[in-house]
PDB file of N, CA and C in Angstrom:
ATOM      1  N   MET A   1       0.847  -1.166   0.000  1.00  0.00           N
ATOM      2  CA  MET A   1       0.000   0.000   0.000  1.00  0.00           C
ATOM      3  C   MET A   1       0.896   1.233   0.000  1.00  0.00           C
ATOM      4  N   THR A   2       0.581   2.146  -0.852  1.00  0.00           N
ATOM      5  CA  THR A   2       1.398   3.354  -0.936  1.00  0.00           C
ATOM      6  C   THR A   2       0.988   4.327   0.150  1.00  0.00           C
ATOM      7  N   THR A   3       1.801   5.297   0.316  1.00  0.00           N
ATOM      8  CA  THR A   3       1.518   6.297   1.344  1.00  0.00           C
ATOM      9  C   THR A   3       0.259   7.077   1.003  1.00  0.00           C
ATOM     10  N   GLU A   4       0.068   7.331  -0.270  1.00  0.00           N
ATOM     11  CA  GLU A   4      -1.107   8.094  -0.703  1.00  0.00           C
ATOM     12  C   GLU A   4      -2.389   7.315  -0.451  1.00  0.00           C
ATOM     13  N   SER A   5      -2.413   6.022  -0.789  1.00  0.00           N
ATOM     14  CA  SER A   5      -3.621   5.224  -0.569  1.00  0.00           C
ATOM     15  C   SER A   5      -3.866   4.997   0.909  1.00  0.00           C
ATOM     16  N   LYS A   6      -2.785   4.886   1.710  1.00  0.00           N
ATOM     17  CA  LYS A   6      -2.938   4.719   3.152  1.00  0.00           C
ATOM     18  C   LYS A   6      -3.575   5.965   3.755  1.00  0.00           C
ATOM     19  N   THR A   7      -3.148   7.129   3.325  1.00  0.00           N
ATOM     20  CA  THR A   7      -3.717   8.382   3.827  1.00  0.00           C
ATOM     21  C   THR A   7      -5.178   8.496   3.414  1.00  0.00           C
ATOM     22  N   LYS A   8      -5.474   8.094   2.200  1.00  0.00           N
ATOM     23  CA  LYS A   8      -6.846   8.141   1.704  1.00  0.00           C
ATOM     24  C   LYS A   8      -7.741   7.205   2.520  1.00  0.00           C
ATOM     25  N   THR A   9      -7.268   6.014   2.861  1.00  0.00           N
ATOM     26  CA  THR A   9      -8.030   5.054   3.650  1.00  0.00           C
ATOM     27  C   THR A   9      -8.269   5.582   5.055  1.00  0.00           C
ATOM     28  N   GLU A  10      -7.254   6.173   5.658  1.00  0.00           N
ATOM     29  CA  GLU A  10      -7.404   6.720   7.005  1.00  0.00           C
ATOM     30  C   GLU A  10      -8.412   7.864   7.015  1.00  0.00           C
ATOM     31  N   THR A  11      -8.370   8.712   5.994  1.00  0.00           N
ATOM     32  CA  THR A  11      -9.305   9.834   5.915  1.00  0.00           C
ATOM     33  C   THR A  11     -10.730   9.322   5.781  1.00  0.00           C
ATOM     34  N   THR A  12     -10.933   8.312   4.959  1.00  0.00           N
ATOM     35  CA  THR A  12     -12.262   7.736   4.772  1.00  0.00           C
ATOM     36  C   THR A  12     -12.768   7.108   6.055  1.00  0.00           C
ATOM     37  N   SER A  13     -11.904   6.377   6.748  1.00  0.00           N
ATOM     38  CA  SER A  13     -12.342   5.727   7.980  1.00  0.00           C
ATOM     39  C   SER A  13     -12.573   6.749   9.090  1.00  0.00           C
ATOM     40  N   ASP A  14     -11.866   7.865   9.073  1.00  0.00           N
ATOM     41  CA  ASP A  14     -12.082   8.915  10.075  1.00  0.00           C
ATOM     42  C   ASP A  14     -13.483   9.517   9.941  1.00  0.00           C
ATOM     43  N   LYS A  15     -14.001   9.575   8.734  1.00  0.00           N
ATOM     44  CA  LYS A  15     -15.337  10.137   8.511  1.00  0.00           C
ATOM     45  C   LYS A  15     -16.414   9.293   9.177  1.00  0.00           C
ATOM     46  N   HIS A  16     -16.207   7.998   9.251  1.00  0.00           N
ATOM     47  CA  HIS A  16     -17.233   7.095   9.749  1.00  0.00           C
ATOM     48  C   HIS A  16     -17.106   6.781  11.231  1.00  0.00           C
ATOM     49  N   LYS A  17     -16.102   7.340  11.901  1.00  0.00           N
ATOM     50  CA  LYS A  17     -15.956   7.088  13.328  1.00  0.00           C
ATOM     51  C   LYS A  17     -17.026   7.862  14.089  1.00  0.00           C
ATOM     52  N   GLN A  18     -17.592   7.211  15.095  1.00  0.00           N
ATOM     53  CA  GLN A  18     -18.591   7.876  15.929  1.00  0.00           C
ATOM     54  C   GLN A  18     -17.900   8.567  17.088  1.00  0.00           C
ATOM     55  N   THR A  19     -18.350   9.743  17.368  1.00  0.00           N
ATOM     56  CA  THR A  19     -17.870  10.431  18.560  1.00  0.00           C
ATOM     57  C   THR A  19     -18.900  10.227  19.655  1.00  0.00           C
ATOM     58  N   SER A  20     -18.533  10.596  20.866  1.00  0.00           N
ATOM     59  CA  SER A  20     -19.490  10.447  21.969  1.00  0.00           C
ATOM     60  C   SER A  20     -20.688  11.367  21.747  1.00  0.00           C
ATOM     61  N   HIS A  21     -20.460  12.514  21.095  1.00  0.00           N
ATOM     62  CA  HIS A  21     -21.563  13.434  20.797  1.00  0.00           C
ATOM     63  C   HIS A  21     -22.539  12.787  19.805  1.00  0.00           C
ATOM     64  N   ASP A  22     -22.003  12.129  18.778  1.00  0.00           N
ATOM     65  CA  ASP A  22     -22.854  11.463  17.788  1.00  0.00           C
ATOM     66  C   ASP A  22     -23.678  10.364  18.426  1.00  0.00           C
ATOM     67  N   ALA A  23     -23.082   9.601  19.295  1.00  0.00           N
ATOM     68  CA  ALA A  23     -23.796   8.498  19.940  1.00  0.00           C
ATOM     69  C   ALA A  23     -24.882   9.022  20.861  1.00  0.00           C
ATOM     70  N   ALA A  24     -24.667  10.193  21.441  1.00  0.00           N
ATOM     71  CA  ALA A  24     -25.640  10.743  22.389  1.00  0.00           C
ATOM     72  C   ALA A  24     -26.943  11.115  21.704  1.00  0.00           C
ATOM     73  N   HIS A  25     -26.870  11.632  20.493  1.00  0.00           N
ATOM     74  CA  HIS A  25     -28.108  12.032  19.835  1.00  0.00           C
ATOM     75  C   HIS A  25     -28.589  11.035  18.793  1.00  0.00           C
ATOM     76  N   GLY A  26     -27.883   9.984  18.546  1.00  0.00           N
ATOM     77  CA  GLY A  26     -28.353   8.915  17.687  1.00  0.00           C
ATOM     78  C   GLY A  26     -28.178   9.140  16.197  1.00  0.00           C
ATOM     79  N   PHE A  27     -27.506  10.202  15.804  1.00  0.00           N
ATOM     80  CA  PHE A  27     -27.299  10.475  14.391  1.00  0.00           C
ATOM     81  C   PHE A  27     -25.860  10.161  13.972  1.00  0.00           C
ATOM     82  N   GLY A  28     -25.209   9.256  14.679  1.00  0.00           N
ATOM     83  CA  GLY A  28     -23.797   8.969  14.468  1.00  0.00           C
ATOM     84  C   GLY A  28     -23.427   8.612  13.051  1.00  0.00           C
ATOM     85  N   GLY A  29     -24.212   7.825  12.369  1.00  0.00           N
ATOM     86  CA  GLY A  29     -23.866   7.383  11.030  1.00  0.00           C
ATOM     87  C   GLY A  29     -24.265   8.351   9.939  1.00  0.00           C
ATOM     88  N   PHE A  30     -24.857   9.463  10.302  1.00  0.00           N
ATOM     89  CA  PHE A  30     -25.348  10.409   9.298  1.00  0.00           C
ATOM     90  C   PHE A  30     -24.482  11.658   9.276  1.00  0.00           C
ATOM     91  N   SER A  31     -24.523  12.336   8.160  1.00  0.00           N
ATOM     92  CA  SER A  31     -23.718  13.548   8.024  1.00  0.00           C
ATOM     93  C   SER A  31     -24.449  14.774   8.565  1.00  0.00           C
ATOM     94  N   PHE A  32     -25.619  14.590   9.125  1.00  0.00           N
ATOM     95  CA  PHE A  32     -26.362  15.712   9.700  1.00  0.00           C
ATOM     96  C   PHE A  32     -26.791  15.340  11.111  1.00  0.00           C
ATOM     97  N   GLY A  33     -27.170  16.308  11.878  1.00  0.00           N
ATOM     98  CA  GLY A  33     -27.597  16.061  13.251  1.00  0.00           C
ATOM     99  C   GLY A  33     -28.903  16.777  13.536  1.00  0.00           C
ATOM    100  N   PRO A  34     -29.255  16.874  14.786  1.00  0.00           N
ATOM    101  CA  PRO A  34     -30.511  17.526  15.150  1.00  0.00           C
ATOM    102  C   PRO A  34     -30.563  18.984  14.720  1.00  0.00           C
ATOM    103  N   ASP A  35     -29.389  19.605  14.574  1.00  0.00           N
ATOM    104  CA  ASP A  35     -29.372  21.005  14.155  1.00  0.00           C
ATOM    105  C   ASP A  35     -29.994  21.186  12.778  1.00  0.00           C
ATOM    106  N   ALA A  36     -29.949  20.166  11.961  1.00  0.00           N
ATOM    107  CA  ALA A  36     -30.540  20.256  10.627  1.00  0.00           C
ATOM    108  C   ALA A  36     -32.049  20.434  10.703  1.00  0.00           C
ATOM    109  N   PHE A  37     -32.655  19.985  11.782  1.00  0.00           N
ATOM    110  CA  PHE A  37     -34.103  20.080  11.927  1.00  0.00           C
ATOM    111  C   PHE A  37     -34.535  21.282  12.765  1.00  0.00           C
ATOM    112  N   ALA A  38     -33.586  22.016  13.317  1.00  0.00           N
ATOM    113  CA  ALA A  38     -33.914  23.103  14.242  1.00  0.00           C
ATOM    114  C   ALA A  38     -34.771  24.172  13.574  1.00  0.00           C
ATOM    115  N   ALA A  39     -34.373  24.633  12.393  1.00  0.00           N
ATOM    116  CA  ALA A  39     -35.138  25.684  11.715  1.00  0.00           C
ATOM    117  C   ALA A  39     -36.542  25.195  11.376  1.00  0.00           C
ATOM    118  N   MET A  40     -36.632  23.973  10.882  1.00  0.00           N
ATOM    119  CA  MET A  40     -37.935  23.410  10.536  1.00  0.00           C
ATOM    120  C   MET A  40     -38.817  23.282  11.779  1.00  0.00           C
ATOM    121  N   THR A  41     -38.228  22.858  12.882  1.00  0.00           N
ATOM    122  CA  THR A  41     -38.984  22.690  14.123  1.00  0.00           C
ATOM    123  C   THR A  41     -39.461  24.034  14.648  1.00  0.00           C
ATOM    124  N   ARG A  42     -38.591  25.034  14.625  1.00  0.00           N
ATOM    125  CA  ARG A  42     -38.995  26.375  15.084  1.00  0.00           C
ATOM    126  C   ARG A  42     -40.125  26.924  14.215  1.00  0.00           C
ATOM    127  N   GLU A  43     -40.012  26.748  12.915  1.00  0.00           N
ATOM    128  CA  GLU A  43     -41.062  27.206  12.000  1.00  0.00           C
ATOM    129  C   GLU A  43     -42.373  26.477  12.282  1.00  0.00           C
ATOM    130  N   HIS A  44     -42.288  25.197  12.539  1.00  0.00           N
ATOM    131  CA  HIS A  44     -43.491  24.413  12.850  1.00  0.00           C
ATOM    132  C   HIS A  44     -44.141  24.920  14.137  1.00  0.00           C
ATOM    133  N   PHE A  45     -43.338  25.173  15.166  1.00  0.00           N
ATOM    134  CA  PHE A  45     -43.887  25.680  16.424  1.00  0.00           C
ATOM    135  C   PHE A  45     -44.542  27.044  16.224  1.00  0.00           C
ATOM    136  N   THR A  46     -43.955  27.874  15.358  1.00  0.00           N
ATOM    137  CA  THR A  46     -44.554  29.177  15.060  1.00  0.00           C
ATOM    138  C   THR A  46     -45.913  28.993  14.395  1.00  0.00           C
ATOM    139  N   ARG A  47     -46.003  28.059  13.449  1.00  0.00           N
ATOM    140  CA  ARG A  47     -47.289  27.786  12.789  1.00  0.00           C
ATOM    141  C   ARG A  47     -48.303  27.234  13.777  1.00  0.00           C
ATOM    142  N   VAL A  48     -47.861  26.344  14.663  1.00  0.00           N
ATOM    143  CA  VAL A  48     -48.766  25.780  15.671  1.00  0.00           C
ATOM    144  C   VAL A  48     -49.263  26.881  16.601  1.00  0.00           C
ATOM    145  N   GLU A  49     -48.376  27.777  16.996  1.00  0.00           N
ATOM    146  CA  GLU A  49     -48.773  28.882  17.875  1.00  0.00           C
ATOM    147  C   GLU A  49     -49.793  29.783  17.178  1.00  0.00           C
ATOM    148  N   THR A  50     -49.570  30.085  15.908  1.00  0.00           N
ATOM    149  CA  THR A  50     -50.525  30.889  15.140  1.00  0.00           C
ATOM    150  C   THR A  50     -51.862  30.178  15.045  1.00  0.00           C
ATOM    151  N   TRP A  51     -51.829  28.886  14.793  1.00  0.00           N
ATOM    152  CA  TRP A  51     -53.067  28.102  14.703  1.00  0.00           C
ATOM    153  C   TRP A  51     -53.805  28.112  16.035  1.00  0.00           C
ATOM    154  N   MET A  52     -53.063  27.977  17.133  1.00  0.00           N
ATOM    155  CA  MET A  52     -53.692  27.991  18.461  1.00  0.00           C
ATOM    156  C   MET A  52     -54.360  29.339  18.734  1.00  0.00           C
ATOM    157  N   LYS A  53     -53.724  30.430  18.313  1.00  0.00           N
ATOM    158  CA  LYS A  53     -54.331  31.753  18.488  1.00  0.00           C
ATOM    159  C   LYS A  53     -55.612  31.863  17.667  1.00  0.00           C
ATOM    160  N   GLU A  54     -55.597  31.337  16.446  1.00  0.00           N
ATOM    161  CA  GLU A  54     -56.805  31.344  15.615  1.00  0.00           C
ATOM    162  C   GLU A  54     -57.906  30.502  16.249  1.00  0.00           C
ATOM    163  N   MET A  55     -57.525  29.370  16.825  1.00  0.00           N
ATOM    164  CA  MET A  55     -58.513  28.520  17.500  1.00  0.00           C
ATOM    165  C   MET A  55     -59.106  29.235  18.709  1.00  0.00           C
ATOM    166  N   ALA A  56     -58.284  29.964  19.455  1.00  0.00           N
ATOM    167  CA  ALA A  56     -58.777  30.712  20.619  1.00  0.00           C
ATOM    168  C   ALA A  56     -59.773  31.776  20.178  1.00  0.00           C
ATOM    169  N   ALA A  57     -59.477  32.463  19.072  1.00  0.00           N
ATOM    170  CA  ALA A  57     -60.401  33.477  18.559  1.00  0.00           C
ATOM    171  C   ALA A  57     -61.712  32.830  18.118  1.00  0.00           C
ATOM    172  N   ALA A  58     -61.631  31.690  17.446  1.00  0.00           N
ATOM    173  CA  ALA A  58     -62.844  30.981  17.013  1.00  0.00           C
ATOM    174  C   ALA A  58     -63.646  30.499  18.220  1.00  0.00           C
ATOM    175  N   GLU A  59     -62.957  30.035  19.259  1.00  0.00           N
ATOM    176  CA  GLU A  59     -63.652  29.594  20.473  1.00  0.00           C
ATOM    177  C   GLU A  59     -64.360  30.763  21.149  1.00  0.00           C
ATOM    178  N   ASP A  60     -63.728  31.952  21.136  1.00  0.00           N
ATOM    179  CA  ASP A  60     -64.366  33.130  21.726  1.00  0.00           C
ATOM    180  C   ASP A  60     -65.661  33.468  20.993  1.00  0.00           C
ATOM    181  N   VAL A  61     -65.625  33.415  19.663  1.00  0.00           N
ATOM    182  CA  VAL A  61     -66.831  33.685  18.868  1.00  0.00           C
ATOM    183  C   VAL A  61     -67.892  32.630  19.158  1.00  0.00           C
ATOM    184  N   MET A  62     -67.484  31.366  19.203  1.00  0.00           N
ATOM    185  CA  MET A  62     -68.421  30.276  19.470  1.00  0.00           C
ATOM    186  C   MET A  62     -69.046  30.430  20.855  1.00  0.00           C
ATOM    187  N   LEU A  63     -68.241  30.799  21.842  1.00  0.00           N
ATOM    188  CA  LEU A  63     -68.747  30.971  23.201  1.00  0.00           C
ATOM    189  C   LEU A  63     -69.733  32.132  23.269  1.00  0.00           C
ATOM    190  N   ALA A  64     -69.428  33.225  22.593  1.00  0.00           N
ATOM    191  CA  ALA A  64     -70.341  34.370  22.575  1.00  0.00           C
ATOM    192  C   ALA A  64     -71.676  33.976  21.947  1.00  0.00           C
ATOM    193  N   ARG A  65     -71.628  33.223  20.852  1.00  0.00           N
ATOM    194  CA  ARG A  65     -72.874  32.766  20.209  1.00  0.00           C
ATOM    195  C   ARG A  65     -73.645  31.820  21.118  1.00  0.00           C
ATOM    196  N   ALA A  66     -72.941  30.918  21.780  1.00  0.00           N
ATOM    197  CA  ALA A  66     -73.606  29.969  22.680  1.00  0.00           C
ATOM    198  C   ALA A  66     -74.274  30.701  23.838  1.00  0.00           C
ATOM    199  N   LYS A  67     -73.587  31.711  24.385  1.00  0.00           N
ATOM    200  CA  LYS A  67     -74.178  32.494  25.475  1.00  0.00           C
ATOM    201  C   LYS A  67     -75.410  33.250  24.989  1.00  0.00           C
ATOM    202  N   ALA A  68     -75.338  33.830  23.792  1.00  0.00           N
ATOM    203  CA  ALA A  68     -76.490  34.547  23.236  1.00  0.00           C
ATOM    204  C   ALA A  68     -77.654  33.584  23.021  1.00  0.00           C
ATOM    205  N   ASN A  69     -77.367  32.397  22.500  1.00  0.00           N
ATOM    206  CA  ASN A  69     -78.420  31.397  22.297  1.00  0.00           C
ATOM    207  C   ASN A  69     -79.022  30.962  23.621  1.00  0.00           C
ATOM    208  N   ALA A  70     -78.185  30.771  24.637  1.00  0.00           N
ATOM    209  CA  ALA A  70     -78.684  30.373  25.954  1.00  0.00           C
ATOM    210  C   ALA A  70     -79.583  31.459  26.531  1.00  0.00           C
ATOM    211  N   ALA A  71     -79.205  32.718  26.345  1.00  0.00           N
ATOM    212  CA  ALA A  71     -80.035  33.823  26.831  1.00  0.00           C
ATOM    213  C   ALA A  71     -81.373  33.851  26.097  1.00  0.00           C
ATOM    214  N   GLN A  72     -81.350  33.598  24.786  1.00  0.00           N
ATOM    215  CA  GLN A  72     -82.601  33.567  24.016  1.00  0.00           C
ATOM    216  C   GLN A  72     -83.484  32.411  24.454  1.00  0.00           C
ATOM    217  N   VAL A  73     -82.899  31.260  24.688  1.00  0.00           N
ATOM    218  CA  VAL A  73     -83.672  30.096  25.139  1.00  0.00           C
ATOM    219  C   VAL A  73     -84.263  30.366  26.516  1.00  0.00           C
ATOM    220  N   ALA A  74     -83.483  30.987  27.399  1.00  0.00           N
ATOM    221  CA  ALA A  74     -83.991  31.313  28.737  1.00  0.00           C
ATOM    222  C   ALA A  74     -85.155  32.289  28.637  1.00  0.00           C
ATOM    223  N   GLN A  75     -85.027  33.295  27.776  1.00  0.00           N
ATOM    224  CA  GLN A  75     -86.119  34.261  27.598  1.00  0.00           C
ATOM    225  C   GLN A  75     -87.352  33.577  27.018  1.00  0.00           C
ATOM    226  N   LEU A  76     -87.152  32.687  26.061  1.00  0.00           N
ATOM    227  CA  LEU A  76     -88.274  31.950  25.479  1.00  0.00           C
ATOM    228  C   LEU A  76     -88.957  31.092  26.531  1.00  0.00           C
ATOM    229  N   ALA A  77     -88.183  30.441  27.379  1.00  0.00           N
ATOM    230  CA  ALA A  77     -88.763  29.611  28.444  1.00  0.00           C
ATOM    231  C   ALA A  77     -89.570  30.467  29.413  1.00  0.00           C
ATOM    232  N   GLN A  78     -89.046  31.623  29.793  1.00  0.00           N
ATOM    233  CA  GLN A  78     -89.778  32.508  30.701  1.00  0.00           C
ATOM    234  C   GLN A  78     -91.055  33.029  30.046  1.00  0.00           C
ATOM    235  N   ASP A  79     -90.962  33.418  28.781  1.00  0.00           N
ATOM    236  CA  ASP A  79     -92.160  33.878  28.065  1.00  0.00           C
ATOM    237  C   ASP A  79     -93.196  32.764  27.971  1.00  0.00           C
ATOM    238  N   SER A  80     -92.734  31.539  27.733  1.00  0.00           N
ATOM    239  CA  SER A  80     -93.655  30.398  27.647  1.00  0.00           C
ATOM    240  C   SER A  80     -94.344  30.152  28.984  1.00  0.00           C
ATOM    241  N   MET A  81     -93.608  30.261  30.081  1.00  0.00           N
ATOM    242  CA  MET A  81     -94.215  30.075  31.407  1.00  0.00           C
ATOM    243  C   MET A  81     -95.222  31.179  31.713  1.00  0.00           C
ATOM    244  N   ASP A  82     -94.890  32.422  31.336  1.00  0.00           N
ATOM    245  CA  ASP A  82     -95.839  33.527  31.536  1.00  0.00           C
ATOM    246  C   ASP A  82     -97.114  33.291  30.727  1.00  0.00           C
ATOM    247  N   TYR A  83     -96.965  32.838  29.488  1.00  0.00           N
ATOM    248  CA  TYR A  83     -98.125  32.568  28.637  1.00  0.00           C
ATOM    249  C   TYR A  83     -98.952  31.423  29.212  1.00  0.00           C
ATOM    250  N   MET A  84     -98.277  30.382  29.725  1.00  0.00           N
ATOM    251  CA  MET A  84     -98.984  29.260  30.338  1.00  0.00           C
ATOM    252  C   MET A  84     -99.785  29.730  31.553  1.00  0.00           C
ATOM    253  N   ALA A  85     -99.195  30.604  32.363  1.00  0.00           N
ATOM    254  CA  ALA A  85     -99.903  31.138  33.534  1.00  0.00           C
ATOM    255  C   ALA A  85    -101.105  31.969  33.097  1.00  0.00           C
ATOM    256  N   GLN A  86    -100.945  32.737  32.041  1.00  0.00           N
ATOM    257  CA  GLN A  86    -102.052  33.546  31.515  1.00  0.00           C
ATOM    258  C   GLN A  86    -103.177  32.650  31.010  1.00  0.00           C
ATOM    259  N   LEU A  87    -102.843  31.614  30.250  1.00  0.00           N
ATOM    260  CA  LEU A  87    -103.872  30.688  29.754  1.00  0.00           C
ATOM    261  C   LEU A  87    -104.573  29.981  30.905  1.00  0.00           C
ATOM    262  N   SER A  88    -103.822  29.591  31.918  1.00  0.00           N
ATOM    263  CA  SER A  88    -104.410  28.918  33.074  1.00  0.00           C
ATOM    264  C   SER A  88    -105.390  29.838  33.792  1.00  0.00           C
ATOM    265  N   ALA A  89    -105.026  31.104  33.965  1.00  0.00           N
ATOM    266  CA  ALA A  89    -105.923  32.069  34.620  1.00  0.00           C
ATOM    267  C   ALA A  89    -107.184  32.281  33.789  1.00  0.00           C
ATOM    268  N   GLU A  90    -107.022  32.394  32.468  1.00  0.00           N
ATOM    269  CA  GLU A  90    -108.193  32.565  31.593  1.00  0.00           C
ATOM    270  C   GLU A  90    -109.086  31.328  31.641  1.00  0.00           C
ATOM    271  N   TRP A  91    -108.479  30.141  31.657  1.00  0.00           N
ATOM    272  CA  TRP A  91    -109.269  28.912  31.709  1.00  0.00           C
ATOM    273  C   TRP A  91    -110.072  28.847  33.007  1.00  0.00           C
ATOM    274  N   ARG A  92    -109.428  29.203  34.137  1.00  0.00           N
ATOM    275  CA  ARG A  92    -110.148  29.198  35.424  1.00  0.00           C
ATOM    276  C   ARG A  92    -111.313  30.183  35.393  1.00  0.00           C
ATOM    277  N   LYS A  93    -111.118  31.356  34.818  1.00  0.00           N
ATOM    278  CA  LYS A  93    -112.181  32.363  34.733  1.00  0.00           C
ATOM    279  C   LYS A  93    -113.336  31.840  33.877  1.00  0.00           C
ATOM    280  N   ILE A  94    -113.004  31.264  32.718  1.00  0.00           N
ATOM    281  CA  ILE A  94    -114.052  30.715  31.838  1.00  0.00           C
ATOM    282  C   ILE A  94    -114.778  29.577  32.534  1.00  0.00           C
ATOM    283  N   MET A  95    -114.048  28.720  33.217  1.00  0.00           N
ATOM    284  CA  MET A  95    -114.650  27.578  33.918  1.00  0.00           C
ATOM    285  C   MET A  95    -115.632  28.055  34.990  1.00  0.00           C
ATOM    286  N   LEU A  96    -115.265  29.081  35.749  1.00  0.00           N
ATOM    287  CA  LEU A  96    -116.168  29.630  36.765  1.00  0.00           C
ATOM    288  C   LEU A  96    -117.412  30.255  36.122  1.00  0.00           C
ATOM    289  N   ASP A  97    -117.230  30.968  35.013  1.00  0.00           N
ATOM    290  CA  ASP A  97    -118.381  31.563  34.319  1.00  0.00           C
ATOM    291  C   ASP A  97    -119.331  30.485  33.805  1.00  0.00           C
ATOM    292  N   VAL A  98    -118.791  29.422  33.222  1.00  0.00           N
ATOM    293  CA  VAL A  98    -119.623  28.325  32.706  1.00  0.00           C
ATOM    294  C   VAL A  98    -120.339  27.634  33.862  1.00  0.00           C
ATOM    295  N   ALA A  99    -119.651  27.385  34.955  1.00  0.00           N
ATOM    296  CA  ALA A  99    -120.271  26.730  36.118  1.00  0.00           C
ATOM    297  C   ALA A  99    -121.382  27.613  36.688  1.00  0.00           C
ATOM    298  N   ARG A 100    -121.166  28.924  36.746  1.00  0.00           N
ATOM    299  CA  ARG A 100    -122.179  29.846  37.254  1.00  0.00           C
ATOM    300  C   ARG A 100    -123.421  29.840  36.346  1.00  0.00           C
ATOM    301  N   ARG A 101    -123.220  29.874  35.041  1.00  0.00           N
ATOM    302  CA  ARG A 101    -124.361  29.838  34.107  1.00  0.00           C
ATOM    303  C   ARG A 101    -125.121  28.518  34.224  1.00  0.00           C
ATOM    304  N   ALA A 102    -124.353  27.425  34.339  1.00  0.00           N
ATOM    305  CA  ALA A 102    -125.010  26.115  34.476  1.00  0.00           C
ATOM    306  C   ALA A 102    -125.824  26.072  35.760  1.00  0.00           C
ATOM    307  N   ALA A 103    -125.299  26.649  36.797  1.00  0.00           N
ATOM    308  CA  ALA A 103    -126.037  26.680  38.068  1.00  0.00           C
ATOM    309  C   ALA A 103    -127.278  27.556  37.940  1.00  0.00           C
ATOM    310  N   ASP A 104    -127.168  28.675  37.242  1.00  0.00           N
ATOM    311  CA  ASP A 104    -128.327  29.552  37.058  1.00  0.00           C
ATOM    312  C   ASP A 104    -129.431  28.856  36.271  1.00  0.00           C
ATOM    313  N   VAL A 105    -129.056  28.042  35.306  1.00  0.00           N
ATOM    314  CA  VAL A 105    -130.050  27.357  34.477  1.00  0.00           C
ATOM    315  C   VAL A 105    -130.695  26.212  35.248  1.00  0.00           C
ATOM    316  N   THR A 106    -129.913  25.480  36.004  1.00  0.00           N
ATOM    317  CA  THR A 106    -130.426  24.261  36.630  1.00  0.00           C
ATOM    318  C   THR A 106    -131.008  24.466  38.020  1.00  0.00           C
ATOM    319  N   LEU A 107    -130.564  25.452  38.719  1.00  0.00           N
ATOM    320  CA  LEU A 107    -131.065  25.646  40.083  1.00  0.00           C
ATOM    321  C   LEU A 107    -132.300  26.560  40.076  1.00  0.00           C
ATOM    322  N   PRO A 108    -133.275  26.281  40.962  1.00  0.00           N
ATOM    323  CA  PRO A 108    -134.450  27.159  41.018  1.00  0.00           C
ATOM    324  C   PRO A 108    -134.060  28.524  41.572  1.00  0.00           C
ATOM    325  N   LYS A 109    -134.737  29.534  41.108  1.00  0.00           N
ATOM    326  CA  LYS A 109    -134.446  30.890  41.570  1.00  0.00           C
ATOM    327  C   LYS A 109    -135.202  31.131  42.861  1.00  0.00           C
ATOM    328  N   ALA A 110    -134.574  31.782  43.744  1.00  0.00           N
ATOM    329  CA  ALA A 110    -135.221  32.004  45.026  1.00  0.00           C
ATOM    330  C   ALA A 110    -135.870  33.336  45.162  1.00  0.00           C
TER     331      ALA A 110
END
């Protein structure tokens, strides 16, 4: 083996040696490490944060609509109860009037 080929072999084998740093992050056999993904990861987190803010805004709108609907349903329920009470009072009045007329027709006058 010539000196030139020996140097070439050593250089090639030096490229494939794992360091303790490579073994720690698991990318020992690759020419890139976690730093290669750092920019992509930061960009992804920025997009996720933006999406979360949009979701919070949508939830605020949804909550406002739900509260408005609940208030309308509560008002409708109260109006329905008031109407039911009114109908009940009218029915009692009509029932008493009918009973009084029936009594006037059937009972002898004194």
